[in-house]
Protein backbone atom coordinates (compact mmCIF):
# COMPACT_ATOMS: atom_id res chain seq x y z
CA UNK A 1 43.73 -53.00 -6.95
CA UNK A 2 44.57 -50.06 -4.69
CA UNK A 3 47.49 -49.16 -6.97
CA UNK A 4 45.17 -49.40 -9.97
CA UNK A 5 42.64 -47.01 -8.42
CA UNK A 6 45.37 -44.56 -7.46
CA UNK A 7 46.74 -44.62 -11.01
CA UNK A 8 43.27 -43.92 -12.41
CA UNK A 9 43.08 -40.91 -10.07
CA UNK A 10 46.55 -39.85 -11.21
CA UNK A 11 45.45 -40.26 -14.83
CA UNK A 12 42.59 -37.82 -14.27
CA UNK A 13 44.99 -35.31 -12.69
CA UNK A 14 47.49 -35.65 -15.55
CA UNK A 15 44.65 -35.20 -18.06
CA UNK A 16 43.69 -31.99 -16.24
CA UNK A 17 47.25 -30.70 -16.57
CA UNK A 18 47.29 -31.57 -20.28
CA UNK A 19 43.93 -29.95 -20.94
CA UNK A 20 44.89 -26.57 -19.50
CA UNK A 21 45.48 -25.48 -23.11
CA UNK A 22 44.72 -28.61 -25.15
CA UNK A 23 41.17 -29.80 -25.72
CA UNK A 24 39.79 -32.74 -23.78
CA UNK A 25 39.12 -34.49 -27.10
CA UNK A 26 42.79 -34.23 -28.10
CA UNK A 27 43.92 -35.61 -24.74
CA UNK A 28 41.41 -38.47 -25.02
CA UNK A 29 42.48 -39.38 -28.56
CA UNK A 30 46.16 -39.56 -27.60
CA UNK A 31 45.26 -41.63 -24.54
CA UNK A 32 43.29 -44.10 -26.70
CA UNK A 33 45.92 -44.32 -29.44
CA UNK A 34 48.65 -45.02 -26.90
CA UNK A 35 46.50 -47.58 -25.13
CA UNK A 36 46.05 -49.53 -28.37
CA UNK A 37 49.80 -49.90 -28.94
CA UNK A 38 50.36 -53.05 -26.81
CA UNK A 39 47.75 -55.01 -28.80
CA UNK A 40 49.06 -53.67 -32.11
CA UNK A 41 52.77 -54.25 -31.43
CA UNK A 42 52.82 -57.58 -29.54
CA UNK A 43 51.92 -60.48 -31.91
CA UNK A 44 50.44 -62.74 -29.21
CA UNK A 45 48.16 -60.01 -27.89
CA UNK A 46 47.25 -58.92 -31.42
CA UNK A 47 46.17 -62.45 -32.25
CA UNK A 48 43.97 -62.54 -29.14
CA UNK A 49 42.48 -59.16 -30.03
CA UNK A 50 41.51 -60.42 -33.48
CA UNK A 51 39.82 -63.54 -32.05
CA UNK A 52 36.17 -62.77 -31.33
CA UNK A 53 32.64 -64.13 -31.81
CA UNK A 54 30.23 -61.22 -31.31
CA UNK A 55 31.39 -58.19 -33.28
CA UNK A 56 28.19 -56.34 -32.40
CA UNK A 57 28.88 -56.48 -28.66
CA UNK A 58 32.47 -55.32 -29.17
CA UNK A 59 31.17 -52.41 -31.23
CA UNK A 60 28.69 -51.44 -28.52
CA UNK A 61 31.40 -51.65 -25.86
CA UNK A 62 33.86 -49.64 -27.93
CA UNK A 63 31.41 -46.97 -29.06
CA UNK A 64 29.81 -46.34 -25.67
CA UNK A 65 33.15 -46.60 -23.89
CA UNK A 66 34.85 -44.24 -26.33
CA UNK A 67 32.09 -41.66 -26.00
CA UNK A 68 32.18 -42.04 -22.20
CA UNK A 69 35.88 -41.22 -22.02
CA UNK A 70 35.45 -38.35 -24.49
CA UNK A 71 32.76 -36.79 -22.28
CA UNK A 72 34.86 -37.49 -19.16
CA UNK A 73 37.93 -35.74 -20.54
CA UNK A 74 35.88 -32.81 -21.84
CA UNK A 75 34.42 -32.44 -18.34
CA UNK A 76 37.93 -32.57 -16.86
CA UNK A 77 38.93 -29.79 -19.26
CA UNK A 78 36.21 -27.43 -18.02
CA UNK A 79 35.49 -28.23 -14.35
CA UNK A 80 37.38 -29.36 -11.26
CA UNK A 81 39.09 -32.70 -11.84
CA UNK A 82 37.67 -34.06 -8.57
CA UNK A 83 34.10 -33.18 -9.52
CA UNK A 84 34.50 -34.62 -13.03
CA UNK A 85 35.93 -37.85 -11.61
CA UNK A 86 33.17 -38.12 -9.01
CA UNK A 87 30.50 -37.74 -11.69
CA UNK A 88 32.18 -40.31 -13.93
CA UNK A 89 32.48 -42.82 -11.10
CA UNK A 90 28.72 -42.91 -10.54
CA UNK A 91 28.65 -45.28 -13.54
CA UNK A 92 27.72 -48.36 -11.42
CA UNK A 93 24.34 -46.72 -10.73
CA UNK A 94 23.56 -46.75 -14.45
CA UNK A 95 25.18 -50.08 -15.32
CA UNK A 96 22.85 -51.71 -12.78
CA UNK A 97 19.81 -50.19 -14.46
CA UNK A 98 21.00 -51.18 -17.93
CA UNK A 99 21.76 -54.73 -16.76
CA UNK A 100 18.20 -55.07 -15.50
CA UNK A 101 16.72 -53.91 -18.78
CA UNK A 102 19.08 -55.35 -21.42
CA UNK A 103 20.54 -58.42 -19.66
CA UNK A 104 17.32 -59.29 -17.80
CA UNK A 105 19.17 -59.47 -14.50
CA UNK A 106 17.25 -59.35 -11.24
CA UNK A 107 18.43 -56.56 -8.94
CA UNK A 108 17.43 -56.51 -5.29
CA UNK A 109 14.91 -53.81 -4.27
CA UNK A 110 17.46 -52.90 -1.59
CA UNK A 111 19.34 -50.99 -4.31
CA UNK A 112 16.63 -48.34 -4.04
CA UNK A 113 18.14 -47.19 -0.72
CA UNK A 114 21.77 -46.38 -1.66
CA UNK A 115 20.93 -45.01 -5.12
CA UNK A 116 19.15 -41.83 -3.94
CA UNK A 117 21.89 -41.35 -1.32
CA UNK A 118 24.49 -41.32 -4.09
CA UNK A 119 22.41 -38.94 -6.21
CA UNK A 120 21.92 -36.62 -3.23
CA UNK A 121 25.69 -36.58 -2.78
CA UNK A 122 26.17 -35.63 -6.42
CA UNK A 123 23.73 -32.76 -5.97
CA UNK A 124 25.65 -31.47 -2.94
CA UNK A 125 29.00 -31.62 -4.74
CA UNK A 126 27.86 -29.79 -7.86
CA UNK A 127 25.87 -27.30 -5.75
CA UNK A 128 29.05 -26.49 -3.81
CA UNK A 129 30.72 -25.52 -7.11
CA UNK A 130 27.68 -23.91 -8.73
CA UNK A 131 28.04 -20.84 -10.92
CA UNK A 132 25.43 -18.18 -11.72
CA UNK A 133 22.91 -19.54 -14.22
CA UNK A 134 23.43 -23.20 -13.30
CA UNK A 135 20.26 -25.22 -12.78
CA UNK A 136 20.36 -26.96 -9.38
CA UNK A 137 24.12 -26.52 -9.51
CA UNK A 138 24.46 -28.29 -12.86
CA UNK A 139 26.05 -26.37 -15.70
CA UNK A 140 26.67 -27.79 -19.16
CA UNK A 141 30.01 -29.34 -18.22
CA UNK A 142 28.66 -31.04 -15.10
CA UNK A 143 25.96 -32.52 -17.33
CA UNK A 144 28.68 -33.71 -19.74
CA UNK A 145 30.44 -35.36 -16.79
CA UNK A 146 27.23 -37.07 -15.73
CA UNK A 147 26.64 -38.16 -19.34
CA UNK A 148 30.06 -39.84 -19.23
CA UNK A 149 28.78 -41.97 -16.34
CA UNK A 150 25.60 -42.93 -18.24
CA UNK A 151 27.63 -43.90 -21.34
CA UNK A 152 30.13 -45.75 -19.15
CA UNK A 153 27.27 -47.72 -17.60
CA UNK A 154 26.09 -48.69 -21.09
CA UNK A 155 29.64 -49.67 -22.09
CA UNK A 156 30.10 -51.80 -18.97
CA UNK A 157 26.81 -53.58 -19.67
CA UNK A 158 27.97 -54.35 -23.23
CA UNK A 159 31.35 -55.45 -21.86
CA UNK A 160 29.75 -57.82 -19.38
CA UNK A 161 27.68 -59.35 -22.16
CA UNK A 162 30.73 -59.59 -24.43
CA UNK A 163 32.92 -61.16 -21.72
CA UNK A 164 30.61 -64.18 -21.62
CA UNK A 165 32.22 -65.32 -24.86
CA UNK A 166 35.05 -62.91 -25.75
CA UNK A 167 38.61 -62.72 -24.44
CA UNK A 168 39.76 -59.64 -22.54
CA UNK A 169 42.17 -58.46 -25.25
CA UNK A 170 39.40 -58.34 -27.86
CA UNK A 171 37.25 -56.29 -25.50
CA UNK A 172 40.09 -53.95 -24.49
CA UNK A 173 41.37 -53.40 -28.04
CA UNK A 174 37.91 -52.61 -29.39
CA UNK A 175 37.63 -49.99 -26.65
CA UNK A 176 40.93 -48.31 -27.60
CA UNK A 177 40.57 -48.48 -31.39
CA UNK A 178 36.97 -47.29 -31.52
CA UNK A 179 37.76 -44.68 -28.89
CA UNK A 180 40.54 -43.35 -31.12
CA UNK A 181 38.21 -43.16 -34.11
CA UNK A 182 35.40 -41.50 -32.16
CA UNK A 183 37.59 -38.84 -30.55
CA UNK A 184 39.63 -38.12 -33.70
CA UNK A 185 37.21 -35.73 -35.51
CA UNK A 186 36.83 -33.36 -32.55
CA UNK A 187 40.49 -33.76 -31.60
CA UNK A 188 41.67 -32.84 -35.10
CA UNK A 189 39.23 -29.92 -35.28
CA UNK A 190 40.59 -28.49 -32.01
CA UNK A 191 44.20 -29.67 -32.44
CA UNK A 192 47.01 -27.65 -30.87
CA UNK A 193 50.58 -28.86 -31.09
CA UNK A 194 51.57 -29.84 -27.53
CA UNK A 195 54.54 -28.21 -25.86
CA UNK A 196 57.24 -30.28 -24.15
CA UNK A 197 55.48 -29.97 -20.78
CA UNK A 198 52.15 -30.93 -22.35
CA UNK A 199 53.72 -33.98 -23.99
CA UNK A 200 54.89 -35.03 -20.51
CA UNK A 201 51.36 -34.63 -19.15
CA UNK A 202 49.95 -36.57 -22.12
CA UNK A 203 52.51 -39.33 -21.61
CA UNK A 204 51.63 -39.50 -17.92
CA UNK A 205 47.91 -39.67 -18.76
CA UNK A 206 48.48 -42.57 -21.17
CA UNK A 207 50.97 -44.47 -19.00
CA UNK A 208 48.85 -44.11 -15.87
CA UNK A 209 45.81 -45.38 -17.80
CA UNK A 210 47.68 -48.39 -19.21
CA UNK A 211 49.25 -49.20 -15.83
CA UNK A 212 45.92 -48.88 -14.05
CA UNK A 213 44.20 -51.14 -16.60
CA UNK A 214 46.95 -53.79 -16.40
CA UNK A 215 46.94 -53.79 -12.59
CA UNK A 216 43.15 -53.99 -12.60
CA UNK A 217 43.22 -56.98 -14.97
CA UNK A 218 45.91 -58.65 -12.86
CA UNK A 219 44.00 -58.15 -9.61
CA UNK A 220 40.75 -59.57 -10.99
CA UNK A 221 42.16 -63.08 -10.58
CA UNK A 222 41.92 -62.71 -6.80
CA UNK A 223 39.60 -59.78 -6.04
CA UNK A 224 35.82 -60.13 -6.19
CA UNK A 225 33.43 -57.63 -7.80
CA UNK A 226 32.37 -56.12 -4.48
CA UNK A 227 35.94 -55.34 -3.45
CA UNK A 228 36.80 -53.94 -6.87
CA UNK A 229 33.77 -51.66 -6.77
CA UNK A 230 34.68 -50.32 -3.34
CA UNK A 231 38.40 -49.81 -3.97
CA UNK A 232 37.82 -48.20 -7.38
CA UNK A 233 36.19 -45.24 -5.61
CA UNK A 234 39.64 -44.42 -4.25
CA UNK A 235 40.32 -42.83 -7.66
CA UNK A 236 37.79 -40.10 -6.82
CA UNK A 237 39.59 -39.31 -3.55
CA UNK A 238 43.01 -39.24 -5.25
CA UNK A 239 41.76 -36.91 -8.00
CA UNK A 240 40.14 -34.57 -5.47
CA UNK A 241 43.21 -34.44 -3.22
CA UNK A 242 45.60 -33.82 -6.14
CA UNK A 243 43.33 -31.14 -7.56
CA UNK A 244 43.03 -29.39 -4.19
CA UNK A 245 46.71 -29.55 -3.22
CA UNK A 246 48.43 -29.01 -6.58
CA UNK A 247 45.88 -27.02 -8.58
CA UNK A 248 44.29 -25.04 -5.73
CA UNK A 249 40.84 -26.39 -6.60
CA UNK A 250 38.36 -25.39 -3.92
CA UNK A 251 36.92 -28.13 -1.70
CA UNK A 252 34.26 -26.93 0.74
CA UNK A 253 32.78 -28.88 3.62
CA UNK A 254 29.58 -29.19 1.56
CA UNK A 255 31.56 -30.76 -1.29
CA UNK A 256 33.30 -33.15 1.14
CA UNK A 257 29.94 -34.19 2.60
CA UNK A 258 28.49 -34.67 -0.88
CA UNK A 259 31.50 -36.72 -2.02
CA UNK A 260 31.19 -38.95 1.05
CA UNK A 261 27.49 -39.53 0.35
CA UNK A 262 28.11 -40.23 -3.33
CA UNK A 263 30.95 -42.67 -2.73
CA UNK A 264 28.99 -44.35 0.07
CA UNK A 265 25.91 -44.64 -2.14
CA UNK A 266 27.85 -46.09 -5.06
CA UNK A 267 29.56 -48.58 -2.73
CA UNK A 268 26.12 -49.52 -1.40
CA UNK A 269 24.81 -50.15 -4.90
CA UNK A 270 27.85 -52.30 -5.71
CA UNK A 271 27.37 -54.22 -2.44
CA UNK A 272 23.68 -54.93 -3.09
CA UNK A 273 24.17 -55.92 -6.73
CA UNK A 274 27.15 -58.13 -5.85
CA UNK A 275 24.92 -60.23 -3.58
CA UNK A 276 22.27 -60.60 -6.26
CA UNK A 277 24.85 -61.48 -8.90
CA UNK A 278 27.52 -63.54 -7.17
CA UNK A 279 28.95 -65.00 -10.38
CA UNK A 280 29.33 -61.68 -12.19
CA UNK A 281 32.74 -60.64 -13.48
CA UNK A 282 34.51 -57.88 -11.61
CA UNK A 283 34.78 -56.09 -14.96
CA UNK A 284 31.29 -54.72 -14.35
CA UNK A 285 32.60 -52.22 -11.83
CA UNK A 286 35.87 -51.44 -13.60
CA UNK A 287 36.39 -47.81 -14.65
CA UNK A 288 36.03 -46.91 -18.31
CA UNK A 289 38.83 -44.42 -18.40
């Protein structure tokens, strides 16, 4: 699970390298298309992917998940990779709200304590990187990054509902195929032929994503939802450290304090919801990217 989280952080960094000249939509489309290859090329996995009961839930999961990654990669293109990753990884805050409303799940009132702590941390991080004209530190691309978390929360809620009766390959393949279709129009409209170095960054983005997803799936046999939710936040730290050390992205003490509050708040939300939903699948706190 630790290796999975580190690979997700590495994926965000590789996507940042690729999107220096390429659009975030192009990077996302190539990531999705590559991710779909295992299910398309391996007969046994393809058969599992085509075995499903609730097409509507798979569509919801794929559409919301595809749009979440599109917004995430667009945010990575325009702002610091650490900030974009931090915003995206606030998704558990929104998946908890959606689960209450759409899945009629009871969430402990204790969740009201860590949630504002996490949101306060987000405010501090974006305020530390604010530009002239931003409202409360939020520019358009920070809002796109936050939208990726909202969409990811919706996708995770649909995934949790789908996993009650669908196999994991059907859920995963719907995510990749619909993600490819959703990102294709904007990717084609902004297409630039990648250079050799950009192809390497794109390959790293895709391979890190596939490796992270496989390790995550493997670890779910032994790791509970609470542990997954906590360890997954390591991706934020990895992305921030790589961005600061290799891309000279500025990290101030205010941003560090905000990141600590955000990660702590998200972990608190995961902790509270895990106690009120002991039988929930660990997929509910898995990253969308």
